[in-house]
Amino acid sequence: GIMMLGQGIGAAIGSRCLIRIPYLWLRVLVV
């Protein structure tokens, strides 16, 4: 339950960053 709250917060922030993140950063992060 505690980790669910953390995951929800992190995922919400991450999905917003996904819209703005430079392509190169996303590529480097996946690798």
Full PDB file with SEQRES, HELIX, SHEET, SSBOND, CRYST1, ORIGX, SCALE, CONECT and MASTER records, all heavy atoms in Angstrom:
SEQRES   1 A   31  GLY ILE MET MET LEU GLY GLN GLY ILE GLY ALA ALA ILE          
SEQRES   2 A   31  GLY SER ARG CYS LEU ILE ARG ILE PRO TYR LEU TRP LEU          
SEQRES   3 A   31  ARG VAL LEU VAL VAL                                          
HELIX    1 AA1 ILE A    2  ARG A   20  1                                  19    
HELIX    2 AA2 TYR A   23  VAL A   30  1                                   8    
CRYST1    1.000    1.000    1.000  90.00  90.00  90.00 P 1           1          
ORIGX1      1.000000  0.000000  0.000000        0.00000                         
ORIGX2      0.000000  1.000000  0.000000        0.00000                         
ORIGX3      0.000000  0.000000  1.000000        0.00000                         
SCALE1      1.000000  0.000000  0.000000        0.00000                         
SCALE2      0.000000  1.000000  0.000000        0.00000                         
SCALE3      0.000000  0.000000  1.000000        0.00000                         
ATOM      1  N   GLY A   1       0.817  -1.208   0.000  1.00  0.00           N  
ATOM      2  CA  GLY A   1       0.000   0.000   0.000  1.00  0.00           C  
ATOM      3  C   GLY A   1       0.852   1.260   0.000  1.00  0.00           C  
ATOM      4  O   GLY A   1       0.574   2.226  -0.724  1.00  0.00           O  
ATOM      5  N   ILE A   2       1.904   1.258   0.815  1.00  0.00           N  
ATOM      6  CA  ILE A   2       2.806   2.411   0.886  1.00  0.00           C  
ATOM      7  C   ILE A   2       3.533   2.604  -0.444  1.00  0.00           C  
ATOM      8  O   ILE A   2       3.669   3.728  -0.944  1.00  0.00           O  
ATOM      9  CB  ILE A   2       3.811   2.223   2.036  1.00  0.00           C  
ATOM     10  CG1 ILE A   2       3.075   2.326   3.376  1.00  0.00           C  
ATOM     11  CG2 ILE A   2       4.943   3.246   1.962  1.00  0.00           C  
ATOM     12  CD1 ILE A   2       3.908   1.950   4.573  1.00  0.00           C  
ATOM     13  N   MET A   3       3.990   1.501  -1.030  1.00  0.00           N  
ATOM     14  CA  MET A   3       4.704   1.591  -2.301  1.00  0.00           C  
ATOM     15  C   MET A   3       3.759   1.944  -3.452  1.00  0.00           C  
ATOM     16  O   MET A   3       4.178   2.585  -4.428  1.00  0.00           O  
ATOM     17  CB  MET A   3       5.440   0.285  -2.585  1.00  0.00           C  
ATOM     18  CG  MET A   3       6.569   0.001  -1.600  1.00  0.00           C  
ATOM     19  SD  MET A   3       7.553  -1.460  -2.030  1.00  0.00           S  
ATOM     20  CE  MET A   3       8.523  -0.830  -3.406  1.00  0.00           C  
ATOM     21  N   MET A   4       2.505   1.542  -3.360  1.00  0.00           N  
ATOM     22  CA  MET A   4       1.520   1.921  -4.378  1.00  0.00           C  
ATOM     23  C   MET A   4       1.393   3.438  -4.463  1.00  0.00           C  
ATOM     24  O   MET A   4       1.331   4.021  -5.552  1.00  0.00           O  
ATOM     25  CB  MET A   4       0.162   1.304  -4.051  1.00  0.00           C  
ATOM     26  CG  MET A   4       0.036  -0.163  -4.413  1.00  0.00           C  
ATOM     27  SD  MET A   4      -1.445  -0.920  -3.678  1.00  0.00           S  
ATOM     28  CE  MET A   4      -2.726   0.010  -4.499  1.00  0.00           C  
ATOM     29  N   LEU A   5       1.375   4.080  -3.284  1.00  0.00           N  
ATOM     30  CA  LEU A   5       1.282   5.543  -3.257  1.00  0.00           C  
ATOM     31  C   LEU A   5       2.503   6.169  -3.935  1.00  0.00           C  
ATOM     32  O   LEU A   5       2.371   7.089  -4.750  1.00  0.00           O  
ATOM     33  CB  LEU A   5       1.172   6.026  -1.808  1.00  0.00           C  
ATOM     34  CG  LEU A   5       1.105   7.543  -1.593  1.00  0.00           C  
ATOM     35  CD1 LEU A   5      -0.117   8.123  -2.309  1.00  0.00           C  
ATOM     36  CD2 LEU A   5       1.052   7.872  -0.099  1.00  0.00           C  
ATOM     37  N   GLY A   6       3.680   5.644  -3.612  1.00  0.00           N  
ATOM     38  CA  GLY A   6       4.909   6.145  -4.230  1.00  0.00           C  
ATOM     39  C   GLY A   6       4.925   5.919  -5.734  1.00  0.00           C  
ATOM     40  O   GLY A   6       5.302   6.812  -6.515  1.00  0.00           O  
ATOM     41  N   GLN A   7       4.517   4.736  -6.156  1.00  0.00           N  
ATOM     42  CA  GLN A   7       4.468   4.428  -7.587  1.00  0.00           C  
ATOM     43  C   GLN A   7       3.526   5.366  -8.320  1.00  0.00           C  
ATOM     44  O   GLN A   7       3.830   5.837  -9.424  1.00  0.00           O  
ATOM     45  CB  GLN A   7       4.004   2.981  -7.797  1.00  0.00           C  
ATOM     46  CG  GLN A   7       5.104   1.954  -7.867  1.00  0.00           C  
ATOM     47  CD  GLN A   7       5.717   1.846  -9.252  1.00  0.00           C  
ATOM     48  OE1 GLN A   7       5.198   2.368 -10.234  1.00  0.00           O  
ATOM     49  NE2 GLN A   7       6.850   1.168  -9.335  1.00  0.00           N  
ATOM     50  N   GLY A   8       2.366   5.621  -7.727  1.00  0.00           N  
ATOM     51  CA  GLY A   8       1.401   6.509  -8.357  1.00  0.00           C  
ATOM     52  C   GLY A   8       1.959   7.913  -8.551  1.00  0.00           C  
ATOM     53  O   GLY A   8       1.777   8.519  -9.607  1.00  0.00           O  
ATOM     54  N   ILE A   9       2.652   8.418  -7.536  1.00  0.00           N  
ATOM     55  CA  ILE A   9       3.247   9.749  -7.619  1.00  0.00           C  
ATOM     56  C   ILE A   9       4.336   9.778  -8.696  1.00  0.00           C  
ATOM     57  O   ILE A   9       4.368  10.677  -9.550  1.00  0.00           O  
ATOM     58  CB  ILE A   9       3.831  10.174  -6.253  1.00  0.00           C  
ATOM     59  CG1 ILE A   9       2.702  10.354  -5.234  1.00  0.00           C  
ATOM     60  CG2 ILE A   9       4.653  11.458  -6.390  1.00  0.00           C  
ATOM     61  CD1 ILE A   9       3.175  10.568  -3.812  1.00  0.00           C  
ATOM     62  N   GLY A  10       5.234   8.786  -8.653  1.00  0.00           N  
ATOM     63  CA  GLY A  10       6.328   8.730  -9.632  1.00  0.00           C  
ATOM     64  C   GLY A  10       5.830   8.579 -11.050  1.00  0.00           C  
ATOM     65  O   GLY A  10       6.343   9.225 -11.973  1.00  0.00           O  
ATOM     66  N   ALA A  11       4.812   7.727 -11.251  1.00  0.00           N  
ATOM     67  CA  ALA A  11       4.272   7.497 -12.591  1.00  0.00           C  
ATOM     68  C   ALA A  11       3.566   8.732 -13.127  1.00  0.00           C  
ATOM     69  O   ALA A  11       3.652   9.050 -14.323  1.00  0.00           O  
ATOM     70  CB  ALA A  11       3.317   6.310 -12.578  1.00  0.00           C  
ATOM     71  N   ALA A  12       2.857   9.457 -12.248  1.00  0.00           N  
ATOM     72  CA  ALA A  12       2.168  10.677 -12.671  1.00  0.00           C  
ATOM     73  C   ALA A  12       3.172  11.731 -13.143  1.00  0.00           C  
ATOM     74  O   ALA A  12       2.983  12.383 -14.175  1.00  0.00           O  
ATOM     75  CB  ALA A  12       1.317  11.222 -11.530  1.00  0.00           C  
ATOM     76  N   ILE A  13       4.262  11.885 -12.389  1.00  0.00           N  
ATOM     77  CA  ILE A  13       5.306  12.840 -12.776  1.00  0.00           C  
ATOM     78  C   ILE A  13       5.990  12.385 -14.065  1.00  0.00           C  
ATOM     79  O   ILE A  13       6.232  13.174 -14.977  1.00  0.00           O  
ATOM     80  CB  ILE A  13       6.338  12.997 -11.651  1.00  0.00           C  
ATOM     81  CG1 ILE A  13       5.678  13.593 -10.401  1.00  0.00           C  
ATOM     82  CG2 ILE A  13       7.497  13.888 -12.092  1.00  0.00           C  
ATOM     83  CD1 ILE A  13       6.566  13.602  -9.181  1.00  0.00           C  
ATOM     84  N   GLY A  14       6.294  11.065 -14.141  1.00  0.00           N  
ATOM     85  CA  GLY A  14       6.970  10.520 -15.313  1.00  0.00           C  
ATOM     86  C   GLY A  14       6.159  10.675 -16.589  1.00  0.00           C  
ATOM     87  O   GLY A  14       6.710  11.004 -17.651  1.00  0.00           O  
ATOM     88  N   SER A  15       4.849  10.459 -16.501  1.00  0.00           N  
ATOM     89  CA  SER A  15       4.015  10.569 -17.696  1.00  0.00           C  
ATOM     90  C   SER A  15       3.934  12.009 -18.191  1.00  0.00           C  
ATOM     91  O   SER A  15       3.796  12.249 -19.397  1.00  0.00           O  
ATOM     92  CB  SER A  15       2.613  10.013 -17.422  1.00  0.00           C  
ATOM     93  OG  SER A  15       2.014  10.683 -16.325  1.00  0.00           O  
ATOM     94  N   ARG A  16       4.041  12.964 -17.288  1.00  0.00           N  
ATOM     95  CA  ARG A  16       4.076  14.368 -17.702  1.00  0.00           C  
ATOM     96  C   ARG A  16       5.424  14.722 -18.324  1.00  0.00           C  
ATOM     97  O   ARG A  16       5.486  15.468 -19.304  1.00  0.00           O  
ATOM     98  CB  ARG A  16       3.777  15.277 -16.512  1.00  0.00           C  
ATOM     99  CG  ARG A  16       2.295  15.288 -16.132  1.00  0.00           C  
ATOM    100  CD  ARG A  16       2.035  15.934 -14.785  1.00  0.00           C  
ATOM    101  NE  ARG A  16       0.607  16.097 -14.542  1.00  0.00           N  
ATOM    102  CZ  ARG A  16      -0.202  15.128 -14.124  1.00  0.00           C  
ATOM    103  NH1 ARG A  16       0.288  13.915 -13.916  1.00  0.00           N  
ATOM    104  NH2 ARG A  16      -1.488  15.358 -13.922  1.00  0.00           N  
ATOM    105  N   CYS A  17       6.489  14.165 -17.768  1.00  0.00           N  
ATOM    106  CA  CYS A  17       7.826  14.410 -18.327  1.00  0.00           C  
ATOM    107  C   CYS A  17       7.988  13.760 -19.696  1.00  0.00           C  
ATOM    108  O   CYS A  17       8.736  14.249 -20.546  1.00  0.00           O  
ATOM    109  CB  CYS A  17       8.906  13.883 -17.381  1.00  0.00           C  
ATOM    110  SG  CYS A  17       9.073  14.829 -15.859  1.00  0.00           S  
ATOM    111  N   LEU A  18       7.266  12.651 -19.909  1.00  0.00           N  
ATOM    112  CA  LEU A  18       7.357  11.938 -21.181  1.00  0.00           C  
ATOM    113  C   LEU A  18       6.945  12.830 -22.344  1.00  0.00           C  
ATOM    114  O   LEU A  18       7.446  12.694 -23.463  1.00  0.00           O  
ATOM    115  CB  LEU A  18       6.478  10.681 -21.135  1.00  0.00           C  
ATOM    116  CG  LEU A  18       6.550   9.704 -22.310  1.00  0.00           C  
ATOM    117  CD1 LEU A  18       7.971   9.170 -22.469  1.00  0.00           C  
ATOM    118  CD2 LEU A  18       5.577   8.553 -22.100  1.00  0.00           C  
ATOM    119  N   ILE A  19       6.045  13.769 -22.062  1.00  0.00           N  
ATOM    120  CA  ILE A  19       5.575  14.683 -23.099  1.00  0.00           C  
ATOM    121  C   ILE A  19       6.681  15.657 -23.505  1.00  0.00           C  
ATOM    122  O   ILE A  19       6.792  16.056 -24.659  1.00  0.00           O  
ATOM    123  CB  ILE A  19       4.348  15.474 -22.594  1.00  0.00           C  
ATOM    124  CG1 ILE A  19       3.240  14.507 -22.145  1.00  0.00           C  
ATOM    125  CG2 ILE A  19       3.825  16.414 -23.677  1.00  0.00           C  
ATOM    126  CD1 ILE A  19       2.110  15.190 -21.412  1.00  0.00           C  
ATOM    127  N   ARG A  20       7.546  16.012 -22.559  1.00  0.00           N  
ATOM    128  CA  ARG A  20       8.520  17.081 -22.780  1.00  0.00           C  
ATOM    129  C   ARG A  20       9.957  16.599 -22.923  1.00  0.00           C  
ATOM    130  O   ARG A  20      10.824  17.349 -23.345  1.00  0.00           O  
ATOM    131  CB  ARG A  20       8.467  18.066 -21.610  1.00  0.00           C  
ATOM    132  CG  ARG A  20       7.085  18.637 -21.357  1.00  0.00           C  
ATOM    133  CD  ARG A  20       7.095  19.588 -20.172  1.00  0.00           C  
ATOM    134  NE  ARG A  20       5.767  20.122 -19.891  1.00  0.00           N  
ATOM    135  CZ  ARG A  20       4.908  19.555 -19.089  1.00  0.00           C  
ATOM    136  NH1 ARG A  20       5.234  18.438 -18.465  1.00  0.00           N  
ATOM    137  NH2 ARG A  20       3.722  20.093 -18.881  1.00  0.00           N  
ATOM    138  N   ILE A  21      10.243  15.355 -22.548  1.00  0.00           N  
ATOM    139  CA  ILE A  21      11.622  14.885 -22.506  1.00  0.00           C  
ATOM    140  C   ILE A  21      12.243  14.876 -23.903  1.00  0.00           C  
ATOM    141  O   ILE A  21      11.607  14.427 -24.867  1.00  0.00           O  
ATOM    142  CB  ILE A  21      11.694  13.473 -21.871  1.00  0.00           C  
ATOM    143  CG1 ILE A  21      13.153  13.047 -21.653  1.00  0.00           C  
ATOM    144  CG2 ILE A  21      10.960  12.453 -22.715  1.00  0.00           C  
ATOM    145  CD1 ILE A  21      13.279  11.765 -20.829  1.00  0.00           C  
ATOM    146  N   PRO A  22      13.461  15.390 -24.060  1.00  0.00           N  
ATOM    147  CA  PRO A  22      14.123  15.334 -25.372  1.00  0.00           C  
ATOM    148  C   PRO A  22      14.319  13.894 -25.830  1.00  0.00           C  
ATOM    149  O   PRO A  22      14.562  12.999 -25.010  1.00  0.00           O  
ATOM    150  CB  PRO A  22      15.479  16.015 -25.101  1.00  0.00           C  
ATOM    151  CG  PRO A  22      15.254  16.866 -23.900  1.00  0.00           C  
ATOM    152  CD  PRO A  22      14.252  16.124 -23.062  1.00  0.00           C  
ATOM    153  N   TYR A  23      14.220  13.703 -27.145  1.00  0.00           N  
ATOM    154  CA  TYR A  23      14.323  12.349 -27.702  1.00  0.00           C  
ATOM    155  C   TYR A  23      15.609  11.653 -27.288  1.00  0.00           C  
ATOM    156  O   TYR A  23      15.601  10.484 -26.917  1.00  0.00           O  
ATOM    157  CB  TYR A  23      14.241  12.425 -29.234  1.00  0.00           C  
ATOM    158  CG  TYR A  23      14.842  11.239 -29.929  1.00  0.00           C  
ATOM    159  CD1 TYR A  23      14.212  10.004 -29.910  1.00  0.00           C  
ATOM    160  CD2 TYR A  23      16.073  11.357 -30.579  1.00  0.00           C  
ATOM    161  CE1 TYR A  23      14.775   8.914 -30.538  1.00  0.00           C  
ATOM    162  CE2 TYR A  23      16.627  10.268 -31.202  1.00  0.00           C  
ATOM    163  CZ  TYR A  23      15.981   9.049 -31.179  1.00  0.00           C  
ATOM    164  OH  TYR A  23      16.550   7.979 -31.787  1.00  0.00           O  
ATOM    165  N   LEU A  24      16.737  12.362 -27.313  1.00  0.00           N  
ATOM    166  CA  LEU A  24      18.018  11.759 -26.979  1.00  0.00           C  
ATOM    167  C   LEU A  24      18.047  11.268 -25.537  1.00  0.00           C  
ATOM    168  O   LEU A  24      18.560  10.188 -25.254  1.00  0.00           O  
ATOM    169  CB  LEU A  24      19.161  12.762 -27.214  1.00  0.00           C  
ATOM    170  CG  LEU A  24      20.581  12.254 -26.906  1.00  0.00           C  
ATOM    171  CD1 LEU A  24      20.915  11.049 -27.799  1.00  0.00           C  
ATOM    172  CD2 LEU A  24      21.608  13.361 -27.104  1.00  0.00           C  
ATOM    173  N   TRP A  25      17.461  12.033 -24.624  1.00  0.00           N  
ATOM    174  CA  TRP A  25      17.422  11.633 -23.218  1.00  0.00           C  
ATOM    175  C   TRP A  25      16.617  10.346 -23.052  1.00  0.00           C  
ATOM    176  O   TRP A  25      16.999   9.459 -22.296  1.00  0.00           O  
ATOM    177  CB  TRP A  25      16.808  12.734 -22.365  1.00  0.00           C  
ATOM    178  CG  TRP A  25      17.651  13.963 -22.233  1.00  0.00           C  
ATOM    179  CD1 TRP A  25      18.740  14.306 -23.001  1.00  0.00           C  
ATOM    180  CD2 TRP A  25      17.476  15.031 -21.309  1.00  0.00           C  
ATOM    181  NE1 TRP A  25      19.246  15.523 -22.609  1.00  0.00           N  
ATOM    182  CE2 TRP A  25      18.488  15.995 -21.571  1.00  0.00           C  
ATOM    183  CE3 TRP A  25      16.562  15.286 -20.298  1.00  0.00           C  
ATOM    184  CZ2 TRP A  25      18.607  17.175 -20.846  1.00  0.00           C  
ATOM    185  CZ3 TRP A  25      16.670  16.458 -19.570  1.00  0.00           C  
ATOM    186  CH2 TRP A  25      17.687  17.390 -19.835  1.00  0.00           C  
ATOM    187  N   LEU A  26      15.479  10.279 -23.743  1.00  0.00           N  
ATOM    188  CA  LEU A  26      14.633   9.084 -23.654  1.00  0.00           C  
ATOM    189  C   LEU A  26      15.383   7.867 -24.191  1.00  0.00           C  
ATOM    190  O   LEU A  26      15.351   6.784 -23.596  1.00  0.00           O  
ATOM    191  CB  LEU A  26      13.339   9.308 -24.446  1.00  0.00           C  
ATOM    192  CG  LEU A  26      12.305   8.177 -24.411  1.00  0.00           C  
ATOM    193  CD1 LEU A  26      11.871   7.884 -22.984  1.00  0.00           C  
ATOM    194  CD2 LEU A  26      11.099   8.536 -25.269  1.00  0.00           C  
ATOM    195  N   ARG A  27      16.076   8.045 -25.299  1.00  0.00           N  
ATOM    196  CA  ARG A  27      16.839   6.952 -25.905  1.00  0.00           C  
ATOM    197  C   ARG A  27      17.948   6.472 -24.962  1.00  0.00           C  
ATOM    198  O   ARG A  27      18.125   5.270 -24.750  1.00  0.00           O  
ATOM    199  CB  ARG A  27      17.429   7.436 -27.225  1.00  0.00           C  
ATOM    200  CG  ARG A  27      18.100   6.371 -28.069  1.00  0.00           C  
ATOM    201  CD  ARG A  27      18.407   6.948 -29.434  1.00  0.00           C  
ATOM    202  NE  ARG A  27      19.027   5.989 -30.317  1.00  0.00           N  
ATOM    203  CZ  ARG A  27      19.192   6.195 -31.614  1.00  0.00           C  
ATOM    204  NH1 ARG A  27      18.763   7.305 -32.169  1.00  0.00           N  
ATOM    205  NH2 ARG A  27      19.774   5.286 -32.367  1.00  0.00           N  
ATOM    206  N   VAL A  28      18.674   7.419 -24.371  1.00  0.00           N  
ATOM    207  CA  VAL A  28      19.753   7.086 -23.435  1.00  0.00           C  
ATOM    208  C   VAL A  28      19.197   6.376 -22.206  1.00  0.00           C  
ATOM    209  O   VAL A  28      19.780   5.407 -21.704  1.00  0.00           O  
ATOM    210  CB  VAL A  28      20.526   8.361 -23.022  1.00  0.00           C  
ATOM    211  CG1 VAL A  28      21.446   8.071 -21.837  1.00  0.00           C  
ATOM    212  CG2 VAL A  28      21.331   8.892 -24.194  1.00  0.00           C  
ATOM    213  N   LEU A  29      18.028   6.826 -21.731  1.00  0.00           N  
ATOM    214  CA  LEU A  29      17.432   6.219 -20.541  1.00  0.00           C  
ATOM    215  C   LEU A  29      17.022   4.773 -20.801  1.00  0.00           C  
ATOM    216  O   LEU A  29      17.232   3.893 -19.956  1.00  0.00           O  
ATOM    217  CB  LEU A  29      16.221   7.048 -20.097  1.00  0.00           C  
ATOM    218  CG  LEU A  29      15.602   6.708 -18.738  1.00  0.00           C  
ATOM    219  CD1 LEU A  29      16.645   6.738 -17.630  1.00  0.00           C  
ATOM    220  CD2 LEU A  29      14.460   7.664 -18.428  1.00  0.00           C  
ATOM    221  N   VAL A  30      16.444   4.505 -21.974  1.00  0.00           N  
ATOM    222  CA  VAL A  30      16.046   3.130 -22.321  1.00  0.00           C  
ATOM    223  C   VAL A  30      17.279   2.223 -22.380  1.00  0.00           C  
ATOM    224  O   VAL A  30      17.285   1.119 -21.823  1.00  0.00           O  
ATOM    225  CB  VAL A  30      15.297   3.109 -23.675  1.00  0.00           C  
ATOM    226  CG1 VAL A  30      15.069   1.668 -24.128  1.00  0.00           C  
ATOM    227  CG2 VAL A  30      13.959   3.824 -23.559  1.00  0.00           C  
ATOM    228  N   VAL A  31      18.335   2.690 -23.036  1.00  0.00           N  
ATOM    229  CA  VAL A  31      19.562   1.900 -23.135  1.00  0.00           C  
ATOM    230  C   VAL A  31      20.176   1.681 -21.754  1.00  0.00           C  
ATOM    231  O   VAL A  31      20.625   0.578 -21.418  1.00  0.00           O  
ATOM    232  CB  VAL A  31      20.587   2.590 -24.074  1.00  0.00           C  
ATOM    233  CG1 VAL A  31      21.923   1.855 -24.039  1.00  0.00           C  
ATOM    234  CG2 VAL A  31      20.048   2.631 -25.497  1.00  0.00           C  
TER     235      VAL A  31                                                      
MASTER        0    0    0    2    0    0    0    6  234    1    0    3          
END                                                                             
